[in-house]
Amino acid sequence: MTGRCPTCNDATAAATEIAPSLQVIPLSGIGDDAVALSDSDGSVNFLIARRGDLFVEMVMTFLEVTPDSPSLDQAGQLASTALGRLAEAA
């Protein structure tokens, strides 16, 4: 999912709207800010990244992704690319 979130000031606010019961894990180096959301067993279900008022939400519910997984780094790189392309198109 990509787009704008007029009621969200940052990735954490967007995360709270999407899945308030999941643990928020701040991520660095992705857009203006980014977070991963993990469930009680430590699996990352979402990555939300923001650049300005543009947001990218990546759903990883059915994948085996943990906070220390290379897959999370790869998802962050993909989110960063998507944000850049959204910004170019805006």
Protein backbone atom coordinates (compact mmCIF):
# COMPACT_ATOMS: atom_id res chain seq x y z
CA MET A 1 0.00 0.00 0.00
CA THR A 2 1.31 3.44 -0.84
CA GLY A 3 -0.07 6.91 -0.61
CA ARG A 4 -0.70 9.82 1.71
CA CYS A 5 -1.85 9.80 5.32
CA PRO A 6 -3.19 13.26 6.17
CA THR A 7 -3.81 12.34 9.81
CA CYS A 8 -0.37 10.80 10.39
CA ASN A 9 2.60 12.92 11.39
CA ASP A 10 5.10 10.06 11.31
CA ALA A 11 5.47 6.34 10.68
CA THR A 12 4.67 5.50 14.31
CA ALA A 13 1.33 7.32 14.08
CA ALA A 14 0.51 5.44 10.87
CA ALA A 15 1.49 2.17 12.58
CA THR A 16 -0.84 2.89 15.48
CA GLU A 17 -3.73 3.35 13.04
CA ILE A 18 -2.96 0.13 11.18
CA ALA A 19 -2.18 -2.25 14.04
CA PRO A 20 -2.36 -0.70 17.52
CA SER A 21 -1.68 -4.00 19.30
CA LEU A 22 1.66 -4.77 17.62
CA GLN A 23 5.10 -3.81 18.95
CA VAL A 24 6.66 -0.82 17.15
CA ILE A 25 10.34 -1.17 16.24
CA PRO A 26 12.00 2.04 14.95
CA LEU A 27 14.13 1.60 11.83
CA SER A 28 16.82 3.97 10.61
CA GLY A 29 17.97 4.93 7.13
CA ILE A 30 14.59 4.55 5.44
CA GLY A 31 12.85 7.73 4.29
CA ASP A 32 12.23 10.41 6.93
CA ASP A 33 11.26 7.69 9.40
CA ALA A 34 10.21 4.07 9.39
CA VAL A 35 9.01 1.38 11.77
CA ALA A 36 8.51 -2.36 11.72
CA LEU A 37 5.56 -3.89 13.54
CA SER A 38 6.02 -7.27 15.18
CA ASP A 39 3.66 -9.60 16.99
CA SER A 40 4.19 -11.32 20.32
CA ASP A 41 6.31 -14.10 18.82
CA GLY A 42 8.73 -11.59 17.27
CA SER A 43 7.63 -11.97 13.65
CA VAL A 44 7.58 -8.72 11.71
CA ASN A 45 4.19 -8.29 10.05
CA PHE A 46 4.46 -4.78 8.62
CA LEU A 47 7.01 -2.17 7.63
CA ILE A 48 5.80 1.41 7.39
CA ALA A 49 8.02 4.12 5.95
CA ARG A 50 7.40 7.85 5.48
CA ARG A 51 8.94 10.56 3.33
CA GLY A 52 7.19 13.89 3.77
CA ASP A 53 3.49 13.11 3.59
CA LEU A 54 4.03 9.97 1.49
CA PHE A 55 3.82 6.55 3.11
CA VAL A 56 4.62 2.99 2.07
CA GLU A 57 3.18 0.03 3.97
CA MET A 58 4.66 -3.40 3.32
CA VAL A 59 2.76 -6.45 4.56
CA MET A 60 4.90 -9.44 5.54
CA THR A 61 2.38 -11.39 7.62
CA PHE A 62 2.94 -14.70 5.84
CA LEU A 63 6.74 -14.46 5.62
CA GLU A 64 9.34 -15.52 8.16
CA VAL A 65 10.78 -12.08 8.95
CA THR A 66 12.33 -11.19 12.30
CA PRO A 67 13.84 -7.87 13.44
CA ASP A 68 17.39 -9.16 12.87
CA SER A 69 16.60 -10.85 9.54
CA PRO A 70 18.30 -9.86 6.27
CA SER A 71 14.78 -9.94 4.81
CA LEU A 72 13.86 -6.90 6.92
CA ASP A 73 16.87 -5.02 5.51
CA GLN A 74 15.78 -5.97 2.00
CA ALA A 75 12.22 -4.84 2.71
CA GLY A 76 13.61 -1.52 3.98
CA GLN A 77 15.57 -1.06 0.75
CA LEU A 78 12.44 -1.79 -1.27
CA ALA A 79 10.40 0.67 0.81
CA SER A 80 13.07 3.33 0.31
CA THR A 81 12.98 2.78 -3.46
CA ALA A 82 9.18 2.96 -3.48
CA LEU A 83 9.22 6.23 -1.50
CA GLY A 84 11.71 7.72 -3.94
CA ARG A 85 9.57 6.79 -6.91
CA LEU A 86 6.43 8.14 -5.25
CA ALA A 87 8.20 11.42 -4.53
CA GLU A 88 9.35 11.66 -8.16
CA ALA A 89 5.82 11.07 -9.41
CA ALA A 90 4.21 13.58 -7.02
